[in-house]
C-alpha cells in the first residue's frame, strides 16, 4: 500500500499524524475514520498558492459533499476558502460551525423551497441555479422575504470526461444544468438578468469527478470562455464570474496517476489567461471546487479483522467489522482500494484475499482478490484514500452505527465526530397504536 502524508512505519506498526493506529483503535474503537490533518492543510495550501492570477481574482471553494464536519469548516476558514453545499443539512452544518455564510455557495438540481428559504435567510454568498423552474422558485422566495440574492447559472458544456458513468456530469443527458447547445439558454440567462430579486454573477460548470485527463479541463476552460463571451455580447451585459467546478483525480491504486495539484493549477491559470486574452473577455473572478483532491488521500479507515475464511469455491475471505455501510463506493461503482495489515507492516508472508464486510449482502466487498500481508483474527486492517465519500456516503444499513472520525496531527488525536450509539439509531423511532 502506498503511504500518504504523515504515514510512517514505526517498528512494524503504522502511524498517522504521529499517532500509532493501535493506540487509535484502543481509544476510539473500530471501524474508525482517520483524517491526516497535516495532509489536508498541505493540499489546501497547494491550491491557494498555485491557483492565482494577476489578471483576475481567484477563489477556492471546498466541495463539502466529499467530507463535511465542523472540523472541516474550521480548516476552510483557516485557509480563507469558500465552501459549497447541496442540501439543507449541509447548509445547517456549515451554519452551526460558525463559518461566515457569505463563503457558502448552494448547489443542487432540485433545491426545495425550504432549502431556498434557508439560503436567503442565512444570507449565503450565492446560489448556483440549475434550471428554469428554479429561477421562478428563487425569485418567489426572495420576493416573499423582500431580499435579493446573488446567483450563477450552471451550464452543461458537453465535455465527456473519461471517468465512471455514474460520476460524469457534463454529458448531453446529464440531469445537471442547462445545455449550451439548447437554443433556449440565452432566454434563460436573460430571465435571470431581468429578475429584480436576483443578481446574476455568471456561469458554473462541472464535467465530472475523479478525472485524470487534464486536457478535458483545458477544453472545459475554452468552452466556458467562448460561451460566456457569446452570451455577454448577445445580451449586451458584463458577466463578472465563471466557476470551473472540480473533479481532480486522486490516487486510489497503482492504476491511477493522480493530478499534480501544484503543476496543474498553474497550467489552468495559464490556459484561462490565454483564453480570456484570445477571446477578449474580461472576467473579475474565477473559482474552482476541489473536494476529493483535498481530503481523499488524507483519510483512511481502520478495521478490526474478525476472522479468515477459506471457501469451498476457492475464495479466501478476510472479514472486517465494517463494510459497505462505511464505504459504499466498491459496491456502488466498483471502486478499488489499497490496504495493509496496519499492525504487521513487517509481515513478509502474503496471501490473496477478498476483504468482506459484515453486512448481509454478497456484494459487501471492500477489496476483491488482492495480495495482502497475512493477517489473522484481531489484526488491524487499514484501507487508504477513504477521506472522500467514505463518511459522507455512510449509512445505517443493517442498523450498523456510523464510525467515529478522528483528526490526527503532531502526535495528537482530536475526535471530530463521535461514534453513533444504538440509542442514536432509534432516536427517531416511535411506537404506534396497534
Protein backbone atom coordinates (compact mmCIF):
# COMPACT_ATOMS: atom_id res chain seq x y z
CA UNK A 1 0.00 0.00 0.00
CA UNK A 2 1.23 3.46 -0.85
CA UNK A 3 1.81 5.74 2.13
CA UNK A 4 0.40 9.28 2.10
CA UNK A 5 1.13 12.38 4.11
CA UNK A 6 2.40 11.62 7.59
CA UNK A 7 2.03 7.82 7.39
CA UNK A 8 5.07 6.07 8.87
CA UNK A 9 6.25 2.59 9.76
CA UNK A 10 7.06 2.62 13.47
CA UNK A 11 8.58 -0.79 14.26
CA UNK A 12 6.01 -2.64 12.21
CA UNK A 13 3.03 -0.51 13.26
CA UNK A 14 1.53 2.19 11.05
CA UNK A 15 1.34 5.67 12.50
CA UNK A 16 -0.52 8.66 11.07
CA UNK A 17 -0.01 12.18 12.30
CA UNK A 18 2.47 10.85 14.82
CA UNK A 19 -0.10 8.50 16.42
CA UNK A 20 0.05 4.71 16.10
CA UNK A 21 -3.10 3.13 14.74
CA UNK A 22 -3.01 0.58 17.55
CA UNK A 23 -3.43 3.44 20.02
CA UNK A 24 -6.26 4.94 17.98
CA UNK A 25 -8.06 1.59 17.83
CA UNK A 26 -7.71 1.10 21.56
CA UNK A 27 -9.02 4.58 22.40
CA UNK A 28 -11.71 5.09 19.78
CA UNK A 29 -12.58 1.57 18.60
CA UNK A 30 -13.10 0.37 15.05
CA UNK A 31 -14.23 0.92 12.37
CA UNK A 32 -12.62 4.33 12.56
CA UNK A 33 -12.09 7.09 10.01
CA UNK A 34 -8.67 8.69 10.45
CA UNK A 35 -8.04 12.11 8.88
CA UNK A 36 -4.44 13.28 8.42
CA UNK A 37 -4.90 16.97 9.23
CA UNK A 38 -1.42 17.94 8.09
CA UNK A 39 -2.03 16.47 4.64
CA UNK A 40 -5.41 18.19 4.35
CA UNK A 41 -3.82 21.52 5.19
CA UNK A 42 -0.95 20.88 2.78
CA UNK A 43 -3.42 20.26 -0.04
CA UNK A 44 -5.32 23.42 0.82
CA UNK A 45 -2.13 25.45 0.70
CA UNK A 46 -1.21 23.99 -2.68
CA UNK A 47 -4.50 25.16 -4.16
CA UNK A 48 -4.32 28.58 -2.54
CA UNK A 49 -0.70 29.22 -3.56
CA UNK A 50 -0.91 27.99 -7.15
CA UNK A 51 -4.37 28.93 -8.39
CA UNK A 52 -3.58 32.65 -8.54
CA UNK A 53 -3.56 35.27 -11.27
CA UNK A 54 -2.60 38.92 -11.67
CA UNK A 55 -5.41 39.38 -14.19
CA UNK A 56 -8.42 38.28 -12.15
CA UNK A 57 -9.41 37.26 -8.63
CA UNK A 58 -9.37 33.57 -7.79
CA UNK A 59 -11.30 31.59 -5.21
CA UNK A 60 -11.01 28.02 -3.95
CA UNK A 61 -14.40 26.59 -2.99
CA UNK A 62 -14.21 23.39 -0.96
CA UNK A 63 -16.72 20.82 -2.25
CA UNK A 64 -18.19 19.78 1.07
CA UNK A 65 -20.00 16.69 -0.21
CA UNK A 66 -16.61 14.92 -0.16
CA UNK A 67 -16.49 15.22 3.62
CA UNK A 68 -18.25 17.69 5.88
CA UNK A 69 -17.87 18.22 9.60
CA UNK A 70 -17.43 21.21 11.86
CA UNK A 71 -13.70 20.47 11.89
CA UNK A 72 -13.54 20.79 8.09
CA UNK A 73 -15.36 24.11 8.26
CA UNK A 74 -12.72 25.29 10.72
CA UNK A 75 -9.98 24.44 8.22
CA UNK A 76 -11.89 26.12 5.38
CA UNK A 77 -12.00 29.30 7.45
CA UNK A 78 -8.34 28.99 8.46
CA UNK A 79 -7.24 28.94 4.82
CA UNK A 80 -9.64 31.67 3.66
CA UNK A 81 -11.54 29.34 1.36
CA UNK A 82 -15.19 29.25 0.39
CA UNK A 83 -17.40 26.17 0.66
CA UNK A 84 -20.34 24.73 -1.24
CA UNK A 85 -23.42 22.84 -0.09
CA UNK A 86 -26.04 20.72 -1.84
CA UNK A 87 -28.69 20.26 0.86
CA UNK A 88 -30.33 21.87 3.84
CA UNK A 89 -28.40 19.52 6.09
CA UNK A 90 -25.07 20.66 4.70
CA UNK A 91 -26.17 24.30 4.97
CA UNK A 92 -27.14 23.79 8.60
CA UNK A 93 -23.87 22.03 9.44
CA UNK A 94 -21.88 24.88 7.93
CA UNK A 95 -24.05 27.46 9.71
CA UNK A 96 -23.63 25.95 13.18
CA UNK A 97 -19.88 25.62 12.63
CA UNK A 98 -19.67 29.40 12.77
CA UNK A 99 -18.30 29.84 9.23
CA UNK A 100 -19.20 33.14 7.54
CA UNK A 101 -22.20 32.26 5.37
CA UNK A 102 -21.03 34.70 2.69
CA UNK A 103 -18.48 31.99 1.90
CA UNK A 104 -21.21 29.48 1.07
CA UNK A 105 -22.47 28.55 -2.40
CA UNK A 106 -25.53 26.37 -2.82
CA UNK A 107 -25.73 23.66 -5.48
CA UNK A 108 -28.34 21.06 -6.40
CA UNK A 109 -30.62 20.17 -9.30
CA UNK A 110 -33.82 20.23 -7.22
CA UNK A 111 -33.49 22.62 -4.29
CA UNK A 112 -36.66 22.63 -2.23
CA UNK A 113 -38.44 25.84 -1.27
CA UNK A 114 -37.34 25.21 2.31
CA UNK A 115 -33.70 25.00 1.20
CA UNK A 116 -34.01 28.16 -0.88
CA UNK A 117 -35.51 29.89 2.15
CA UNK A 118 -32.56 28.77 4.24
CA UNK A 119 -30.18 30.20 1.64
CA UNK A 120 -31.94 33.57 1.70
CA UNK A 121 -32.35 33.65 5.49
CA UNK A 122 -28.72 32.66 6.07
CA UNK A 123 -27.51 35.28 3.59
CA UNK A 124 -25.24 32.90 1.68
CA UNK A 125 -22.74 34.08 -0.93
CA UNK A 126 -24.52 32.70 -3.98
CA UNK A 127 -26.91 30.11 -5.34
CA UNK A 128 -26.00 28.07 -8.40
CA UNK A 129 -29.25 27.91 -10.36
CA UNK A 130 -29.71 24.57 -12.11
CA UNK A 131 -32.77 25.09 -14.29
CA UNK A 132 -35.55 27.45 -15.38
CA UNK A 133 -38.03 26.28 -12.74
CA UNK A 134 -35.53 27.17 -10.05
CA UNK A 135 -35.38 30.78 -11.24
CA UNK A 136 -39.07 31.11 -10.53
CA UNK A 137 -38.80 29.42 -7.13
CA UNK A 138 -35.83 31.52 -6.07
CA UNK A 139 -37.43 34.76 -7.22
CA UNK A 140 -40.62 33.86 -5.33
CA UNK A 141 -38.74 33.18 -2.09
CA UNK A 142 -36.74 36.41 -2.39
CA UNK A 143 -39.91 38.41 -3.08
CA UNK A 144 -41.63 36.88 -0.04
CA UNK A 145 -38.72 37.85 2.17
CA UNK A 146 -38.03 41.17 0.43
CA UNK A 147 -34.40 40.18 -0.11
CA UNK A 148 -32.08 39.91 -3.09
CA UNK A 149 -29.55 37.14 -3.70
CA UNK A 150 -26.57 36.56 -5.98
CA UNK A 151 -26.71 33.62 -8.36
CA UNK A 152 -24.83 31.77 -11.08
CA UNK A 153 -26.32 29.51 -13.72
CA UNK A 154 -24.97 26.01 -14.10
CA UNK A 155 -24.41 25.17 -17.73
CA UNK A 156 -23.74 21.80 -19.28
CA UNK A 157 -20.80 22.29 -21.63
CA UNK A 158 -20.87 18.80 -23.16
CA UNK A 159 -17.39 17.63 -22.18
CA UNK A 160 -17.36 13.81 -21.97
CA UNK A 161 -14.65 13.29 -19.36
CA UNK A 162 -13.08 9.84 -19.02
CA UNK A 163 -14.46 8.65 -15.70
CA UNK A 164 -17.13 6.30 -14.35
CA UNK A 165 -20.59 6.63 -15.90
CA UNK A 166 -22.17 7.47 -12.54
CA UNK A 167 -19.90 10.46 -11.92
CA UNK A 168 -19.94 12.06 -15.36
CA UNK A 169 -21.87 15.32 -15.03
CA UNK A 170 -21.45 17.07 -18.37
CA UNK A 171 -22.99 14.65 -20.86
CA UNK A 172 -25.87 15.87 -23.03
CA UNK A 173 -28.18 13.61 -21.00
CA UNK A 174 -26.93 14.80 -17.58
CA UNK A 175 -29.51 15.84 -15.01
CA UNK A 176 -27.38 18.87 -14.10
CA UNK A 177 -27.55 22.34 -15.62
CA UNK A 178 -28.78 23.82 -18.90
CA UNK A 179 -27.05 22.79 -22.11
CA UNK A 180 -25.06 25.34 -24.09
CA UNK A 181 -26.39 23.63 -27.22
CA UNK A 182 -30.00 24.38 -26.30
CA UNK A 183 -31.41 27.43 -28.11
CA UNK A 184 -33.36 28.44 -25.00
CA UNK A 185 -30.17 29.10 -22.97
CA UNK A 186 -29.90 32.79 -23.90
CA UNK A 187 -33.53 33.29 -22.89
CA UNK A 188 -32.90 31.61 -19.53
CA UNK A 189 -29.95 33.89 -18.84
CA UNK A 190 -31.98 36.92 -19.87
CA UNK A 191 -34.72 35.85 -17.48
CA UNK A 192 -32.24 35.80 -14.59
CA UNK A 193 -30.68 39.12 -15.57
CA UNK A 194 -34.08 40.85 -15.71
CA UNK A 195 -35.28 39.42 -12.39
CA UNK A 196 -35.21 42.20 -9.82
CA UNK A 197 -34.68 39.72 -6.98
CA UNK A 198 -31.57 38.07 -8.43
CA UNK A 199 -28.10 39.46 -9.12
CA UNK A 200 -26.55 37.45 -11.95
CA UNK A 201 -22.87 36.63 -11.36
CA UNK A 202 -22.03 34.31 -14.24
CA UNK A 203 -21.71 30.66 -15.17
CA UNK A 204 -20.80 27.46 -13.39
CA UNK A 205 -19.81 24.12 -14.91
CA UNK A 206 -18.61 20.75 -13.66
CA UNK A 207 -17.51 18.00 -16.02
CA UNK A 208 -17.34 15.09 -13.57
CA UNK A 209 -15.32 13.52 -10.77
CA UNK A 210 -12.11 11.52 -10.42
CA UNK A 211 -10.77 12.85 -13.73
CA UNK A 212 -7.11 12.38 -14.69
CA UNK A 213 -7.35 13.73 -18.22
CA UNK A 214 -6.16 17.32 -17.78
CA UNK A 215 -6.99 18.03 -21.41
CA UNK A 216 -10.66 17.71 -20.52
CA UNK A 217 -10.31 20.57 -18.04
CA UNK A 218 -8.47 22.69 -20.60
CA UNK A 219 -11.21 22.02 -23.12
CA UNK A 220 -13.74 22.99 -20.48
CA UNK A 221 -11.97 26.30 -19.88
CA UNK A 222 -12.03 27.17 -23.58
CA UNK A 223 -15.70 26.23 -23.90
CA UNK A 224 -16.69 28.27 -20.84
CA UNK A 225 -14.85 31.37 -22.05
CA UNK A 226 -16.31 31.15 -25.56
CA UNK A 227 -19.86 30.62 -24.27
CA UNK A 228 -19.57 33.40 -21.69
CA UNK A 229 -18.29 35.82 -24.33
CA UNK A 230 -21.07 34.86 -26.74
CA UNK A 231 -23.88 35.37 -24.25
CA UNK A 232 -22.37 38.56 -22.84
CA UNK A 233 -22.22 40.04 -26.35
CA UNK A 234 -25.68 38.77 -27.33
CA UNK A 235 -27.35 40.31 -24.27
CA UNK A 236 -25.05 43.32 -24.04
CA UNK A 237 -24.15 42.59 -20.43
CA UNK A 238 -21.00 42.16 -18.37
CA UNK A 239 -20.55 38.71 -16.84
CA UNK A 240 -18.15 39.03 -13.89
CA UNK A 241 -17.52 35.42 -12.83
CA UNK A 242 -17.04 31.86 -14.00
CA UNK A 243 -16.75 28.75 -11.85
CA UNK A 244 -14.97 25.78 -13.43
CA UNK A 245 -16.03 23.18 -10.84
CA UNK A 246 -13.75 20.41 -9.61
CA UNK A 247 -13.28 16.71 -10.20
CA UNK A 248 -9.48 16.46 -9.99
CA UNK A 249 -8.46 12.80 -9.76
CA UNK A 250 -6.55 11.23 -6.86
CA UNK A 251 -4.59 8.02 -6.38
CA UNK A 252 -6.53 5.00 -5.16
CA UNK A 253 -4.47 2.17 -6.66
CA UNK A 254 -1.41 1.77 -8.86
CA UNK A 255 -3.72 2.04 -11.87
CA UNK A 256 -4.22 5.74 -11.10
CA UNK A 257 -1.88 8.60 -11.97
CA UNK A 258 -3.18 11.41 -9.79
CA UNK A 259 -3.28 15.05 -10.81
CA UNK A 260 -0.29 17.06 -9.56
CA UNK A 261 -2.13 19.89 -7.81
CA UNK A 262 0.62 22.50 -7.95
CA UNK A 263 1.60 21.87 -11.56
CA UNK A 264 -1.95 21.60 -12.85
CA UNK A 265 -3.23 24.70 -11.03
CA UNK A 266 -0.52 26.78 -12.69
CA UNK A 267 -1.40 25.19 -16.01
CA UNK A 268 -5.08 26.00 -15.53
CA UNK A 269 -4.30 29.64 -14.79
CA UNK A 270 -2.16 29.87 -17.93
CA UNK A 271 -4.97 28.40 -20.05
CA UNK A 272 -7.59 30.71 -18.52
CA UNK A 273 -5.47 33.82 -19.05
CA UNK A 274 -4.64 32.82 -22.61
CA UNK A 275 -8.24 32.03 -23.49
CA UNK A 276 -9.54 35.27 -21.98
CA UNK A 277 -6.99 37.26 -23.98
CA UNK A 278 -7.76 35.42 -27.23
CA UNK A 279 -11.49 35.99 -26.92
CA UNK A 280 -11.20 39.49 -25.46
CA UNK A 281 -13.28 38.67 -22.42
CA UNK A 282 -12.82 40.44 -19.09
CA UNK A 283 -13.60 38.38 -16.01
CA UNK A 284 -13.40 39.61 -12.43
CA UNK A 285 -13.23 36.24 -10.66
CA UNK A 286 -12.60 32.58 -11.49
CA UNK A 287 -13.42 29.83 -8.97
CA UNK A 288 -12.77 26.10 -8.74
CA UNK A 289 -14.29 23.48 -6.42
CA UNK A 290 -11.87 20.77 -5.26
CA UNK A 291 -13.17 18.27 -2.73
CA UNK A 292 -11.83 14.75 -3.14
CA UNK A 293 -8.35 16.03 -4.00
CA UNK A 294 -8.18 17.85 -0.66
CA UNK A 295 -9.38 15.09 1.67
CA UNK A 296 -9.25 11.82 -0.30
CA UNK A 297 -5.70 10.65 0.33
CA UNK A 298 -5.77 12.26 3.78
CA UNK A 299 -8.38 9.84 5.04
CA UNK A 300 -8.09 6.15 5.95
CA UNK A 301 -10.46 3.64 7.51
CA UNK A 302 -9.25 1.32 10.22
CA UNK A 303 -10.96 -2.02 10.82
CA UNK A 304 -10.50 -5.00 13.12
CA UNK A 305 -10.21 -8.38 11.42
CA UNK A 306 -12.89 -10.74 12.70
CA UNK A 307 -11.56 -13.86 11.04
CA UNK A 308 -10.30 -15.59 7.89
CA UNK A 309 -12.48 -17.97 5.88
CA UNK A 310 -11.41 -20.28 3.07
CA UNK A 311 -14.42 -21.21 0.96
CA UNK A 312 -15.00 -24.43 -0.92
CA UNK A 313 -15.14 -22.33 -4.07
CA UNK A 314 -11.54 -21.22 -3.61
CA UNK A 315 -12.06 -17.66 -2.36
CA UNK A 316 -10.30 -16.68 0.85
CA UNK A 317 -12.18 -14.02 2.80
CA UNK A 318 -10.87 -11.64 5.41
CA UNK A 319 -13.82 -10.43 7.45
CA UNK A 320 -13.82 -6.91 8.92
CA UNK A 321 -16.08 -5.15 11.41
CA UNK A 322 -17.27 -2.57 8.87
CA UNK A 323 -18.07 -2.70 5.18
CA UNK A 324 -20.45 -1.13 2.70
CA UNK A 325 -22.08 0.96 5.42
CA UNK A 326 -18.86 2.95 5.88
CA UNK A 327 -17.62 2.61 2.27
CA UNK A 328 -20.30 2.12 -0.37
CA UNK A 329 -18.06 3.01 -3.33
CA UNK A 330 -16.88 -0.53 -4.21
CA UNK A 331 -20.47 -1.78 -4.32
CA UNK A 332 -21.81 1.36 -6.00
CA UNK A 333 -19.35 1.72 -8.87
CA UNK A 334 -16.66 -0.91 -8.44
CA UNK A 335 -14.14 1.45 -6.86
CA UNK A 336 -10.80 -0.15 -5.96
CA UNK A 337 -8.62 0.44 -2.92
CA UNK A 338 -5.29 -0.47 -1.38
CA UNK A 339 -4.93 -1.82 2.14
CA UNK A 340 -2.41 -3.06 4.66
CA UNK A 341 -2.36 -5.03 7.90
CA UNK A 342 -1.50 -1.94 9.93
CA UNK A 343 -0.08 -3.72 12.98
CA UNK A 344 2.04 -6.13 10.89
CA UNK A 345 3.93 -3.90 8.48
CA UNK A 346 6.97 -6.14 8.82
CA UNK A 347 5.00 -9.27 7.89
CA UNK A 348 6.67 -10.84 4.85
CA UNK A 349 4.19 -13.62 4.15
CA UNK A 350 1.36 -12.60 1.83
CA UNK A 351 -1.87 -14.13 0.64
CA UNK A 352 -4.57 -13.33 -1.89
CA UNK A 353 -7.75 -12.40 -0.05
CA UNK A 354 -11.07 -10.70 -0.57
CA UNK A 355 -11.92 -8.25 2.20
CA UNK A 356 -15.59 -8.64 3.08
CA UNK A 357 -17.77 -6.53 5.32
CA UNK A 358 -20.34 -7.68 7.84
CA UNK A 359 -23.49 -6.55 6.01
CA UNK A 360 -26.00 -9.13 4.87
CA UNK A 361 -25.14 -8.59 1.20
CA UNK A 362 -22.97 -10.72 -1.09
CA UNK A 363 -21.75 -7.51 -2.71
CA UNK A 364 -20.38 -6.15 0.58
CA UNK A 365 -16.76 -6.45 -0.56
CA UNK A 366 -14.21 -3.69 0.04
CA UNK A 367 -11.27 -5.34 -1.76
CA UNK A 368 -11.52 -8.25 -4.18
CA UNK A 369 -8.77 -10.82 -4.73
CA UNK A 370 -5.68 -8.80 -3.86
CA UNK A 371 -2.39 -9.80 -2.26
CA UNK A 372 -2.12 -8.54 1.32
CA UNK A 373 0.21 -9.28 4.23
CA UNK A 374 -1.07 -12.36 6.02
CA UNK A 375 -3.48 -11.42 8.77
CA UNK A 376 -5.46 -13.12 11.48
CA UNK A 377 -8.26 -12.51 13.92
CA UNK A 378 -7.70 -9.33 15.95
CA UNK A 379 -5.36 -7.66 13.45
CA UNK A 380 -5.97 -4.13 12.20
CA UNK A 381 -6.69 -3.65 8.51
CA UNK A 382 -6.29 -0.13 7.17
CA UNK A 383 -7.83 0.90 3.84
CA UNK A 384 -6.31 4.09 2.43
CA UNK A 385 -7.82 7.01 0.49
CA UNK A 386 -11.24 6.92 2.14
CA UNK A 387 -11.25 10.57 3.18
CA UNK A 388 -13.66 11.50 0.40
CA UNK A 389 -17.13 9.93 0.16
CA UNK A 390 -16.47 7.46 2.96
CA UNK A 391 -18.22 9.10 5.88
CA UNK A 392 -20.32 11.27 3.54
CA UNK A 393 -21.97 8.26 1.91
CA UNK A 394 -22.13 6.08 5.01
CA UNK A 395 -25.40 4.55 6.13
CA UNK A 396 -27.12 2.62 8.90
CA UNK A 397 -27.98 -0.39 6.76
CA UNK A 398 -28.50 -3.49 8.96
CA UNK A 399 -28.74 -0.96 11.82
CA UNK A 400 -24.97 -0.57 11.90
CA UNK A 401 -23.76 2.56 13.67
CA UNK A 402 -21.63 5.05 11.76
CA UNK A 403 -17.97 5.08 12.87
CA UNK A 404 -16.20 7.89 14.66
CA UNK A 405 -13.92 10.34 12.85
CA UNK A 406 -10.62 11.50 14.34
CA UNK A 407 -8.20 14.14 13.09
CA UNK A 408 -4.54 13.46 13.82
CA UNK A 409 -1.65 15.91 13.77
CA UNK A 410 1.69 16.28 15.58
CA UNK A 411 1.13 13.27 17.82
CA UNK A 412 -2.35 14.36 18.91
CA UNK A 413 -5.72 12.85 18.02
CA UNK A 414 -8.85 15.01 18.11
CA UNK A 415 -12.31 13.45 17.99
CA UNK A 416 -14.23 15.28 15.24
CA UNK A 417 -17.35 13.09 15.04
CA UNK A 418 -18.47 10.72 17.79
CA UNK A 419 -19.29 7.09 17.04
CA UNK A 420 -23.03 6.54 16.85
CA UNK A 421 -24.65 4.57 19.66
CA UNK A 422 -27.55 2.14 19.50
CA UNK A 423 -29.62 4.89 21.10
CA UNK A 424 -28.70 7.19 18.20
CA UNK A 425 -30.00 4.59 15.76
CA UNK A 426 -33.52 4.62 17.21
CA UNK A 427 -33.78 8.22 18.42
CA UNK A 428 -36.46 8.97 15.80
CA UNK A 429 -38.36 5.68 16.16
CA UNK A 430 -41.85 5.89 17.60
CA UNK A 431 -44.22 3.18 18.75
CA UNK A 432 -47.63 3.13 17.08
CA UNK A 433 -51.08 2.17 18.29
CA UNK A 434 -51.97 -1.39 17.29
